Amino acid sequence: MHRCQSDQYKRHFTSSLFSAYAKQPDAFDLVITDQTMPGLTGTQLAERILKIDPNQPIILCTGFSELVSEEKAKAMGIRILALKPINMHQLSLLIREALIA
């Protein structure tokens, strides 16, 4: 796992985010994931995380809106469905929105 810190946020990058999350769910204020990943989709990851903490803020990023709809994402408990491409300014606004909601 690699860690980097910027401003007041810590970011965790790991090949097995769920393993890291399951060990320390309270260490995560927000999860940002992509829908298309090797071995596990973003919606599958979100389902696993939300079983541990149904209130965990999650932003799901996707470039293919036909794979998951905003309605499906909300019904699953995902706070925000972000359609790519997305720039850093847009992402920062979505992060703020997810943490406030």
PDB file of N, CA and C in Angstrom:
ATOM      1  N   MET A   1       0.845  -1.164   0.000  1.00  0.00           N
ATOM      2  CA  MET A   1       0.000   0.000   0.000  1.00  0.00           C
ATOM      3  C   MET A   1       0.896   1.234   0.000  1.00  0.00           C
ATOM      4  N   HIS A   2       0.501   2.208  -0.754  1.00  0.00           N
ATOM      5  CA  HIS A   2       1.237   3.469  -0.803  1.00  0.00           C
ATOM      6  C   HIS A   2       0.365   4.545  -0.170  1.00  0.00           C
ATOM      7  N   ARG A   3       0.976   5.455   0.536  1.00  0.00           N
ATOM      8  CA  ARG A   3       0.231   6.562   1.129  1.00  0.00           C
ATOM      9  C   ARG A   3       0.846   7.869   0.674  1.00  0.00           C
ATOM     10  N   CYS A   4      -0.008   8.828   0.432  1.00  0.00           N
ATOM     11  CA  CYS A   4       0.482  10.175   0.174  1.00  0.00           C
ATOM     12  C   CYS A   4      -0.475  11.134   0.855  1.00  0.00           C
ATOM     13  N   GLN A   5       0.031  12.257   1.244  1.00  0.00           N
ATOM     14  CA  GLN A   5      -0.766  13.210   1.989  1.00  0.00           C
ATOM     15  C   GLN A   5      -0.699  14.558   1.292  1.00  0.00           C
ATOM     16  N   SER A   6      -1.840  15.195   1.144  1.00  0.00           N
ATOM     17  CA  SER A   6      -1.936  16.498   0.517  1.00  0.00           C
ATOM     18  C   SER A   6      -3.008  17.272   1.266  1.00  0.00           C
ATOM     19  N   ASP A   7      -2.725  18.498   1.621  1.00  0.00           N
ATOM     20  CA  ASP A   7      -3.647  19.282   2.428  1.00  0.00           C
ATOM     21  C   ASP A   7      -4.000  18.473   3.676  1.00  0.00           C
ATOM     22  N   GLN A   8      -5.299  18.295   3.937  1.00  0.00           N
ATOM     23  CA  GLN A   8      -5.677  17.525   5.120  1.00  0.00           C
ATOM     24  C   GLN A   8      -6.126  16.110   4.774  1.00  0.00           C
ATOM     25  N   TYR A   9      -5.959  15.703   3.527  1.00  0.00           N
ATOM     26  CA  TYR A   9      -6.440  14.389   3.102  1.00  0.00           C
ATOM     27  C   TYR A   9      -5.309  13.388   2.986  1.00  0.00           C
ATOM     28  N   LYS A  10      -5.564  12.176   3.431  1.00  0.00           N
ATOM     29  CA  LYS A  10      -4.658  11.049   3.205  1.00  0.00           C
ATOM     30  C   LYS A  10      -5.285  10.195   2.128  1.00  0.00           C
ATOM     31  N   ARG A  11      -4.475   9.749   1.204  1.00  0.00           N
ATOM     32  CA  ARG A  11      -4.985   8.865   0.164  1.00  0.00           C
ATOM     33  C   ARG A  11      -4.292   7.532   0.295  1.00  0.00           C
ATOM     34  N   HIS A  12      -5.054   6.462   0.148  1.00  0.00           N
ATOM     35  CA  HIS A  12      -4.518   5.105   0.220  1.00  0.00           C
ATOM     36  C   HIS A  12      -4.685   4.453  -1.139  1.00  0.00           C
ATOM     37  N   PHE A  13      -3.601   3.906  -1.651  1.00  0.00           N
ATOM     38  CA  PHE A  13      -3.643   3.164  -2.902  1.00  0.00           C
ATOM     39  C   PHE A  13      -3.214   1.749  -2.583  1.00  0.00           C
ATOM     40  N   THR A  14      -4.026   0.798  -2.941  1.00  0.00           N
ATOM     41  CA  THR A  14      -3.700  -0.588  -2.644  1.00  0.00           C
ATOM     42  C   THR A  14      -4.314  -1.496  -3.687  1.00  0.00           C
ATOM     43  N   SER A  15      -3.684  -2.619  -3.904  1.00  0.00           N
ATOM     44  CA  SER A  15      -4.256  -3.577  -4.846  1.00  0.00           C
ATOM     45  C   SER A  15      -5.480  -4.251  -4.249  1.00  0.00           C
ATOM     46  N   SER A  16      -5.636  -4.183  -2.959  1.00  0.00           N
ATOM     47  CA  SER A  16      -6.803  -4.759  -2.307  1.00  0.00           C
ATOM     48  C   SER A  16      -7.377  -3.754  -1.315  1.00  0.00           C
ATOM     49  N   LEU A  17      -8.059  -2.767  -1.850  1.00  0.00           N
ATOM     50  CA  LEU A  17      -8.647  -1.737  -0.995  1.00  0.00           C
ATOM     51  C   LEU A  17      -9.589  -2.359   0.024  1.00  0.00           C
ATOM     52  N   PHE A  18     -10.364  -3.342  -0.395  1.00  0.00           N
ATOM     53  CA  PHE A  18     -11.315  -3.921   0.543  1.00  0.00           C
ATOM     54  C   PHE A  18     -10.619  -4.531   1.748  1.00  0.00           C
ATOM     55  N   SER A  19      -9.490  -5.183   1.535  1.00  0.00           N
ATOM     56  CA  SER A  19      -8.735  -5.758   2.661  1.00  0.00           C
ATOM     57  C   SER A  19      -8.307  -4.664   3.625  1.00  0.00           C
ATOM     58  N   ALA A  20      -7.800  -3.569   3.078  1.00  0.00           N
ATOM     59  CA  ALA A  20      -7.393  -2.444   3.923  1.00  0.00           C
ATOM     60  C   ALA A  20      -8.600  -1.854   4.643  1.00  0.00           C
ATOM     61  N   TYR A  21      -9.713  -1.714   3.933  1.00  0.00           N
ATOM     62  CA  TYR A  21     -10.920  -1.150   4.528  1.00  0.00           C
ATOM     63  C   TYR A  21     -11.455  -2.052   5.640  1.00  0.00           C
ATOM     64  N   ALA A  22     -11.508  -3.348   5.378  1.00  0.00           N
ATOM     65  CA  ALA A  22     -12.049  -4.290   6.364  1.00  0.00           C
ATOM     66  C   ALA A  22     -11.247  -4.280   7.659  1.00  0.00           C
ATOM     67  N   LYS A  23      -9.934  -4.043   7.555  1.00  0.00           N
ATOM     68  CA  LYS A  23      -9.083  -4.012   8.752  1.00  0.00           C
ATOM     69  C   LYS A  23      -9.290  -2.743   9.566  1.00  0.00           C
ATOM     70  N   GLN A  24      -9.515  -1.615   8.887  1.00  0.00           N
ATOM     71  CA  GLN A  24      -9.639  -0.329   9.579  1.00  0.00           C
ATOM     72  C   GLN A  24     -10.693   0.552   8.922  1.00  0.00           C
ATOM     73  N   PRO A  25     -11.963   0.197   8.991  1.00  0.00           N
ATOM     74  CA  PRO A  25     -12.978   1.004   8.315  1.00  0.00           C
ATOM     75  C   PRO A  25     -13.061   2.439   8.825  1.00  0.00           C
ATOM     76  N   ASP A  26     -12.731   2.653  10.092  1.00  0.00           N
ATOM     77  CA  ASP A  26     -12.798   4.009  10.644  1.00  0.00           C
ATOM     78  C   ASP A  26     -11.690   4.917  10.122  1.00  0.00           C
ATOM     79  N   ALA A  27     -10.707   4.359   9.455  1.00  0.00           N
ATOM     80  CA  ALA A  27      -9.611   5.164   8.909  1.00  0.00           C
ATOM     81  C   ALA A  27     -10.001   5.842   7.598  1.00  0.00           C
ATOM     82  N   PHE A  28     -11.167   5.516   7.061  1.00  0.00           N
ATOM     83  CA  PHE A  28     -11.591   6.034   5.762  1.00  0.00           C
ATOM     84  C   PHE A  28     -12.747   7.007   5.921  1.00  0.00           C
ATOM     85  N   ASP A  29     -12.518   8.255   5.541  1.00  0.00           N
ATOM     86  CA  ASP A  29     -13.589   9.244   5.532  1.00  0.00           C
ATOM     87  C   ASP A  29     -14.395   9.159   4.244  1.00  0.00           C
ATOM     88  N   LEU A  30     -13.760   8.704   3.179  1.00  0.00           N
ATOM     89  CA  LEU A  30     -14.368   8.686   1.855  1.00  0.00           C
ATOM     90  C   LEU A  30     -13.677   7.622   1.016  1.00  0.00           C
ATOM     91  N   VAL A  31     -14.450   6.935   0.176  1.00  0.00           N
ATOM     92  CA  VAL A  31     -13.884   5.987  -0.781  1.00  0.00           C
ATOM     93  C   VAL A  31     -14.229   6.488  -2.176  1.00  0.00           C
ATOM     94  N   ILE A  32     -13.210   6.638  -3.017  1.00  0.00           N
ATOM     95  CA  ILE A  32     -13.399   6.981  -4.426  1.00  0.00           C
ATOM     96  C   ILE A  32     -12.907   5.788  -5.222  1.00  0.00           C
ATOM     97  N   THR A  33     -13.775   5.244  -6.062  1.00  0.00           N
ATOM     98  CA  THR A  33     -13.410   4.062  -6.835  1.00  0.00           C
ATOM     99  C   THR A  33     -13.895   4.193  -8.269  1.00  0.00           C
ATOM    100  N   ASP A  34     -13.314   3.394  -9.126  1.00  0.00           N
ATOM    101  CA  ASP A  34     -13.723   3.348 -10.521  1.00  0.00           C
ATOM    102  C   ASP A  34     -14.610   2.126 -10.716  1.00  0.00           C
ATOM    103  N   GLN A  35     -15.520   2.195 -11.655  1.00  0.00           N
ATOM    104  CA  GLN A  35     -16.382   1.045 -11.928  1.00  0.00           C
ATOM    105  C   GLN A  35     -15.590  -0.096 -12.558  1.00  0.00           C
ATOM    106  N   THR A  36     -14.685   0.222 -13.473  1.00  0.00           N
ATOM    107  CA  THR A  36     -13.951  -0.811 -14.193  1.00  0.00           C
ATOM    108  C   THR A  36     -12.572  -0.994 -13.585  1.00  0.00           C
ATOM    109  N   MET A  37     -12.407  -2.117 -12.887  1.00  0.00           N
ATOM    110  CA  MET A  37     -11.128  -2.451 -12.263  1.00  0.00           C
ATOM    111  C   MET A  37     -10.888  -3.939 -12.472  1.00  0.00           C
ATOM    112  N   PRO A  38      -9.648  -4.374 -12.426  1.00  0.00           N
ATOM    113  CA  PRO A  38      -9.382  -5.806 -12.583  1.00  0.00           C
ATOM    114  C   PRO A  38      -9.853  -6.598 -11.359  1.00  0.00           C
ATOM    115  N   GLY A  39     -10.626  -7.643 -11.603  1.00  0.00           N
ATOM    116  CA  GLY A  39     -11.013  -8.544 -10.524  1.00  0.00           C
ATOM    117  C   GLY A  39     -12.249  -8.165  -9.739  1.00  0.00           C
ATOM    118  N   LEU A  40     -12.632  -6.899  -9.745  1.00  0.00           N
ATOM    119  CA  LEU A  40     -13.742  -6.444  -8.914  1.00  0.00           C
ATOM    120  C   LEU A  40     -14.263  -5.135  -9.488  1.00  0.00           C
ATOM    121  N   THR A  41     -15.562  -5.029  -9.689  1.00  0.00           N
ATOM    122  CA  THR A  41     -16.099  -3.760 -10.181  1.00  0.00           C
ATOM    123  C   THR A  41     -16.274  -2.783  -9.023  1.00  0.00           C
ATOM    124  N   GLY A  42     -16.428  -1.528  -9.360  1.00  0.00           N
ATOM    125  CA  GLY A  42     -16.665  -0.522  -8.334  1.00  0.00           C
ATOM    126  C   GLY A  42     -17.951  -0.768  -7.569  1.00  0.00           C
ATOM    127  N   THR A  43     -18.991  -1.244  -8.261  1.00  0.00           N
ATOM    128  CA  THR A  43     -20.245  -1.525  -7.557  1.00  0.00           C
ATOM    129  C   THR A  43     -20.097  -2.726  -6.627  1.00  0.00           C
ATOM    130  N   GLN A  44     -19.316  -3.717  -7.029  1.00  0.00           N
ATOM    131  CA  GLN A  44     -19.069  -4.859  -6.137  1.00  0.00           C
ATOM    132  C   GLN A  44     -18.290  -4.417  -4.900  1.00  0.00           C
ATOM    133  N   LEU A  45     -17.283  -3.572  -5.105  1.00  0.00           N
ATOM    134  CA  LEU A  45     -16.513  -3.045  -3.977  1.00  0.00           C
ATOM    135  C   LEU A  45     -17.424  -2.244  -3.051  1.00  0.00           C
ATOM    136  N   ALA A  46     -18.264  -1.389  -3.633  1.00  0.00           N
ATOM    137  CA  ALA A  46     -19.178  -0.575  -2.828  1.00  0.00           C
ATOM    138  C   ALA A  46     -20.112  -1.455  -2.002  1.00  0.00           C
ATOM    139  N   GLU A  47     -20.649  -2.509  -2.598  1.00  0.00           N
ATOM    140  CA  GLU A  47     -21.534  -3.415  -1.857  1.00  0.00           C
ATOM    141  C   GLU A  47     -20.825  -4.004  -0.645  1.00  0.00           C
ATOM    142  N   ARG A  48     -19.588  -4.425  -0.824  1.00  0.00           N
ATOM    143  CA  ARG A  48     -18.827  -5.018   0.286  1.00  0.00           C
ATOM    144  C   ARG A  48     -18.555  -3.995   1.384  1.00  0.00           C
ATOM    145  N   ILE A  49     -18.155  -2.802   0.978  1.00  0.00           N
ATOM    146  CA  ILE A  49     -17.862  -1.740   1.949  1.00  0.00           C
ATOM    147  C   ILE A  49     -19.125  -1.351   2.713  1.00  0.00           C
ATOM    148  N   LEU A  50     -20.231  -1.201   1.988  1.00  0.00           N
ATOM    149  CA  LEU A  50     -21.473  -0.758   2.622  1.00  0.00           C
ATOM    150  C   LEU A  50     -22.077  -1.814   3.540  1.00  0.00           C
ATOM    151  N   LYS A  51     -21.681  -3.070   3.403  1.00  0.00           N
ATOM    152  CA  LYS A  51     -22.097  -4.098   4.366  1.00  0.00           C
ATOM    153  C   LYS A  51     -21.417  -3.869   5.712  1.00  0.00           C
ATOM    154  N   ILE A  52     -20.199  -3.353   5.678  1.00  0.00           N
ATOM    155  CA  ILE A  52     -19.467  -3.049   6.913  1.00  0.00           C
ATOM    156  C   ILE A  52     -19.966  -1.743   7.515  1.00  0.00           C
ATOM    157  N   ASP A  53     -20.110  -0.718   6.675  1.00  0.00           N
ATOM    158  CA  ASP A  53     -20.568   0.593   7.141  1.00  0.00           C
ATOM    159  C   ASP A  53     -21.526   1.183   6.111  1.00  0.00           C
ATOM    160  N   PRO A  54     -22.830   1.067   6.350  1.00  0.00           N
ATOM    161  CA  PRO A  54     -23.815   1.579   5.394  1.00  0.00           C
ATOM    162  C   PRO A  54     -23.761   3.091   5.191  1.00  0.00           C
ATOM    163  N   ASN A  55     -23.067   3.803   6.069  1.00  0.00           N
ATOM    164  CA  ASN A  55     -22.968   5.258   5.956  1.00  0.00           C
ATOM    165  C   ASN A  55     -21.670   5.731   5.319  1.00  0.00           C
ATOM    166  N   GLN A  56     -20.833   4.819   4.858  1.00  0.00           N
ATOM    167  CA  GLN A  56     -19.545   5.193   4.266  1.00  0.00           C
ATOM    168  C   GLN A  56     -19.778   5.978   2.970  1.00  0.00           C
ATOM    169  N   PRO A  57     -19.291   7.221   2.897  1.00  0.00           N
ATOM    170  CA  PRO A  57     -19.412   7.962   1.645  1.00  0.00           C
ATOM    171  C   PRO A  57     -18.562   7.314   0.547  1.00  0.00           C
ATOM    172  N   ILE A  58     -19.199   7.078  -0.602  1.00  0.00           N
ATOM    173  CA  ILE A  58     -18.510   6.485  -1.745  1.00  0.00           C
ATOM    174  C   ILE A  58     -18.816   7.311  -2.985  1.00  0.00           C
ATOM    175  N   ILE A  59     -17.764   7.613  -3.738  1.00  0.00           N
ATOM    176  CA  ILE A  59     -17.899   8.212  -5.062  1.00  0.00           C
ATOM    177  C   ILE A  59     -17.484   7.141  -6.058  1.00  0.00           C
ATOM    178  N   LEU A  60     -18.384   6.809  -6.972  1.00  0.00           N
ATOM    179  CA  LEU A  60     -18.105   5.826  -8.012  1.00  0.00           C
ATOM    180  C   LEU A  60     -17.897   6.566  -9.324  1.00  0.00           C
ATOM    181  N   CYS A  61     -16.735   6.380  -9.926  1.00  0.00           N
ATOM    182  CA  CYS A  61     -16.411   7.016 -11.202  1.00  0.00           C
ATOM    183  C   CYS A  61     -16.593   6.011 -12.332  1.00  0.00           C
ATOM    184  N   THR A  62     -17.164   6.479 -13.433  1.00  0.00           N
ATOM    185  CA  THR A  62     -17.319   5.619 -14.597  1.00  0.00           C
ATOM    186  C   THR A  62     -17.328   6.445 -15.869  1.00  0.00           C
ATOM    187  N   GLY A  63     -16.827   5.854 -16.925  1.00  0.00           N
ATOM    188  CA  GLY A  63     -16.886   6.481 -18.235  1.00  0.00           C
ATOM    189  C   GLY A  63     -18.018   5.909 -19.061  1.00  0.00           C
ATOM    190  N   PHE A  64     -18.703   4.917 -18.517  1.00  0.00           N
ATOM    191  CA  PHE A  64     -19.758   4.220 -19.244  1.00  0.00           C
ATOM    192  C   PHE A  64     -21.043   4.245 -18.435  1.00  0.00           C
ATOM    193  N   SER A  65     -21.857   5.251 -18.648  1.00  0.00           N
ATOM    194  CA  SER A  65     -23.062   5.406 -17.837  1.00  0.00           C
ATOM    195  C   SER A  65     -24.066   4.283 -18.055  1.00  0.00           C
ATOM    196  N   GLU A  66     -23.945   3.530 -19.164  1.00  0.00           N
ATOM    197  CA  GLU A  66     -24.889   2.436 -19.379  1.00  0.00           C
ATOM    198  C   GLU A  66     -24.607   1.244 -18.458  1.00  0.00           C
ATOM    199  N   LEU A  67     -23.428   1.198 -17.837  1.00  0.00           N
ATOM    200  CA  LEU A  67     -23.101   0.103 -16.926  1.00  0.00           C
ATOM    201  C   LEU A  67     -23.774   0.256 -15.570  1.00  0.00           C
ATOM    202  N   VAL A  68     -23.925   1.484 -15.134  1.00  0.00           N
ATOM    203  CA  VAL A  68     -24.573   1.743 -13.842  1.00  0.00           C
ATOM    204  C   VAL A  68     -25.262   3.103 -13.930  1.00  0.00           C
ATOM    205  N   SER A  69     -26.507   3.145 -13.486  1.00  0.00           N
ATOM    206  CA  SER A  69     -27.262   4.395 -13.527  1.00  0.00           C
ATOM    207  C   SER A  69     -27.143   5.114 -12.190  1.00  0.00           C
ATOM    208  N   GLU A  70     -27.465   6.392 -12.215  1.00  0.00           N
ATOM    209  CA  GLU A  70     -27.447   7.164 -10.971  1.00  0.00           C
ATOM    210  C   GLU A  70     -28.469   6.601  -9.982  1.00  0.00           C
ATOM    211  N   GLU A  71     -29.614   6.165 -10.503  1.00  0.00           N
ATOM    212  CA  GLU A  71     -30.652   5.594  -9.641  1.00  0.00           C
ATOM    213  C   GLU A  71     -30.162   4.309  -8.973  1.00  0.00           C
ATOM    214  N   LYS A  72     -29.508   3.440  -9.751  1.00  0.00           N
ATOM    215  CA  LYS A  72     -28.985   2.190  -9.196  1.00  0.00           C
ATOM    216  C   LYS A  72     -27.914   2.486  -8.145  1.00  0.00           C
ATOM    217  N   ALA A  73     -27.030   3.431  -8.453  1.00  0.00           N
ATOM    218  CA  ALA A  73     -25.964   3.791  -7.515  1.00  0.00           C
ATOM    219  C   ALA A  73     -26.559   4.298  -6.202  1.00  0.00           C
ATOM    220  N   LYS A  74     -27.521   5.200  -6.289  1.00  0.00           N
ATOM    221  CA  LYS A  74     -28.154   5.743  -5.076  1.00  0.00           C
ATOM    222  C   LYS A  74     -28.857   4.640  -4.286  1.00  0.00           C
ATOM    223  N   ALA A  75     -29.549   3.738  -4.997  1.00  0.00           N
ATOM    224  CA  ALA A  75     -30.256   2.642  -4.327  1.00  0.00           C
ATOM    225  C   ALA A  75     -29.289   1.727  -3.589  1.00  0.00           C
ATOM    226  N   MET A  76     -28.067   1.602  -4.104  1.00  0.00           N
ATOM    227  CA  MET A  76     -27.049   0.773  -3.454  1.00  0.00           C
ATOM    228  C   MET A  76     -26.443   1.454  -2.238  1.00  0.00           C
ATOM    229  N   GLY A  77     -26.590   2.787  -2.148  1.00  0.00           N
ATOM    230  CA  GLY A  77     -25.977   3.530  -1.055  1.00  0.00           C
ATOM    231  C   GLY A  77     -24.764   4.327  -1.474  1.00  0.00           C
ATOM    232  N   ILE A  78     -24.448   4.309  -2.766  1.00  0.00           N
ATOM    233  CA  ILE A  78     -23.326   5.105  -3.288  1.00  0.00           C
ATOM    234  C   ILE A  78     -23.769   6.559  -3.303  1.00  0.00           C
ATOM    235  N   ARG A  79     -22.976   7.438  -2.707  1.00  0.00           N
ATOM    236  CA  ARG A  79     -23.381   8.843  -2.592  1.00  0.00           C
ATOM    237  C   ARG A  79     -23.395   9.561  -3.931  1.00  0.00           C
ATOM    238  N   ILE A  80     -22.330   9.341  -4.729  1.00  0.00           N
ATOM    239  CA  ILE A  80     -22.191  10.102  -5.976  1.00  0.00           C
ATOM    240  C   ILE A  80     -21.704   9.197  -7.092  1.00  0.00           C
ATOM    241  N   LEU A  81     -22.360   9.310  -8.249  1.00  0.00           N
ATOM    242  CA  LEU A  81     -21.894   8.668  -9.469  1.00  0.00           C
ATOM    243  C   LEU A  81     -21.265   9.764 -10.311  1.00  0.00           C
ATOM    244  N   ALA A  82     -19.966   9.685 -10.527  1.00  0.00           N
ATOM    245  CA  ALA A  82     -19.224  10.707 -11.273  1.00  0.00           C
ATOM    246  C   ALA A  82     -18.906  10.176 -12.663  1.00  0.00           C
ATOM    247  N   LEU A  83     -19.367  10.896 -13.676  1.00  0.00           N
ATOM    248  CA  LEU A  83     -19.115  10.487 -15.051  1.00  0.00           C
ATOM    249  C   LEU A  83     -17.805  11.086 -15.540  1.00  0.00           C
ATOM    250  N   LYS A  84     -16.930  10.217 -16.058  1.00  0.00           N
ATOM    251  CA  LYS A  84     -15.636  10.660 -16.583  1.00  0.00           C
ATOM    252  C   LYS A  84     -15.817  11.125 -18.024  1.00  0.00           C
ATOM    253  N   PRO A  85     -14.992  12.019 -18.492  1.00  0.00           N
ATOM    254  CA  PRO A  85     -13.821  12.574 -17.807  1.00  0.00           C
ATOM    255  C   PRO A  85     -14.235  13.597 -16.751  1.00  0.00           C
ATOM    256  N   ILE A  86     -13.393  13.732 -15.752  1.00  0.00           N
ATOM    257  CA  ILE A  86     -13.641  14.658 -14.649  1.00  0.00           C
ATOM    258  C   ILE A  86     -12.324  15.344 -14.299  1.00  0.00           C
ATOM    259  N   ASN A  87     -12.382  16.649 -14.114  1.00  0.00           N
ATOM    260  CA  ASN A  87     -11.147  17.363 -13.766  1.00  0.00           C
ATOM    261  C   ASN A  87     -11.033  17.514 -12.246  1.00  0.00           C
ATOM    262  N   MET A  88      -9.890  17.973 -11.802  1.00  0.00           N
ATOM    263  CA  MET A  88      -9.625  18.062 -10.359  1.00  0.00           C
ATOM    264  C   MET A  88     -10.581  19.018  -9.647  1.00  0.00           C
ATOM    265  N   HIS A  89     -10.944  20.113 -10.297  1.00  0.00           N
ATOM    266  CA  HIS A  89     -11.880  21.049  -9.676  1.00  0.00           C
ATOM    267  C   HIS A  89     -13.238  20.376  -9.471  1.00  0.00           C
ATOM    268  N   GLN A  90     -13.726  19.683 -10.500  1.00  0.00           N
ATOM    269  CA  GLN A  90     -14.998  18.972 -10.372  1.00  0.00           C
ATOM    270  C   GLN A  90     -14.911  17.907  -9.284  1.00  0.00           C
ATOM    271  N   LEU A  91     -13.804  17.186  -9.258  1.00  0.00           N
ATOM    272  CA  LEU A  91     -13.631  16.142  -8.250  1.00  0.00           C
ATOM    273  C   LEU A  91     -13.629  16.729  -6.845  1.00  0.00           C
ATOM    274  N   SER A  92     -12.977  17.859  -6.664  1.00  0.00           N
ATOM    275  CA  SER A  92     -12.946  18.469  -5.328  1.00  0.00           C
ATOM    276  C   SER A  92     -14.348  18.885  -4.883  1.00  0.00           C
ATOM    277  N   LEU A  93     -15.171  19.363  -5.815  1.00  0.00           N
ATOM    278  CA  LEU A  93     -16.555  19.711  -5.473  1.00  0.00           C
ATOM    279  C   LEU A  93     -17.362  18.466  -5.103  1.00  0.00           C
ATOM    280  N   LEU A  94     -17.143  17.372  -5.828  1.00  0.00           N
ATOM    281  CA  LEU A  94     -17.848  16.124  -5.525  1.00  0.00           C
ATOM    282  C   LEU A  94     -17.417  15.554  -4.175  1.00  0.00           C
ATOM    283  N   ILE A  95     -16.139  15.671  -3.862  1.00  0.00           N
ATOM    284  CA  ILE A  95     -15.642  15.210  -2.560  1.00  0.00           C
ATOM    285  C   ILE A  95     -16.324  15.986  -1.439  1.00  0.00           C
ATOM    286  N   ARG A  96     -16.366  17.288  -1.597  1.00  0.00           N
ATOM    287  CA  ARG A  96     -17.023  18.127  -0.586  1.00  0.00           C
ATOM    288  C   ARG A  96     -18.491  17.725  -0.426  1.00  0.00           C
ATOM    289  N   GLU A  97     -19.173  17.543  -1.555  1.00  0.00           N
ATOM    290  CA  GLU A  97     -20.586  17.152  -1.529  1.00  0.00           C
ATOM    291  C   GLU A  97     -20.783  15.799  -0.835  1.00  0.00           C
ATOM    292  N   ALA A  98     -19.933  14.847  -1.142  1.00  0.00           N
ATOM    293  CA  ALA A  98     -20.053  13.508  -0.550  1.00  0.00           C
ATOM    294  C   ALA A  98     -19.823  13.538   0.955  1.00  0.00           C
ATOM    295  N   LEU A  99     -18.898  14.360   1.408  1.00  0.00           N
ATOM    296  CA  LEU A  99     -18.582  14.415   2.835  1.00  0.00           C
ATOM    297  C   LEU A  99     -19.624  15.183   3.635  1.00  0.00           C
ATOM    298  N   ILE A 100     -20.309  16.110   2.987  1.00  0.00           N
ATOM    299  CA  ILE A 100     -21.330  16.903   3.674  1.00  0.00           C
ATOM    300  C   ILE A 100     -22.650  16.151   3.752  1.00  0.00           C
ATOM    301  N   ALA A 101     -22.955  15.372   2.731  1.00  0.00           N
ATOM    302  CA  ALA A 101     -24.261  14.681   2.631  1.00  0.00           C
ATOM    303  C   ALA A 101     -24.506  13.747   3.794  1.00  0.00           C
TER     304      ALA A 101
END
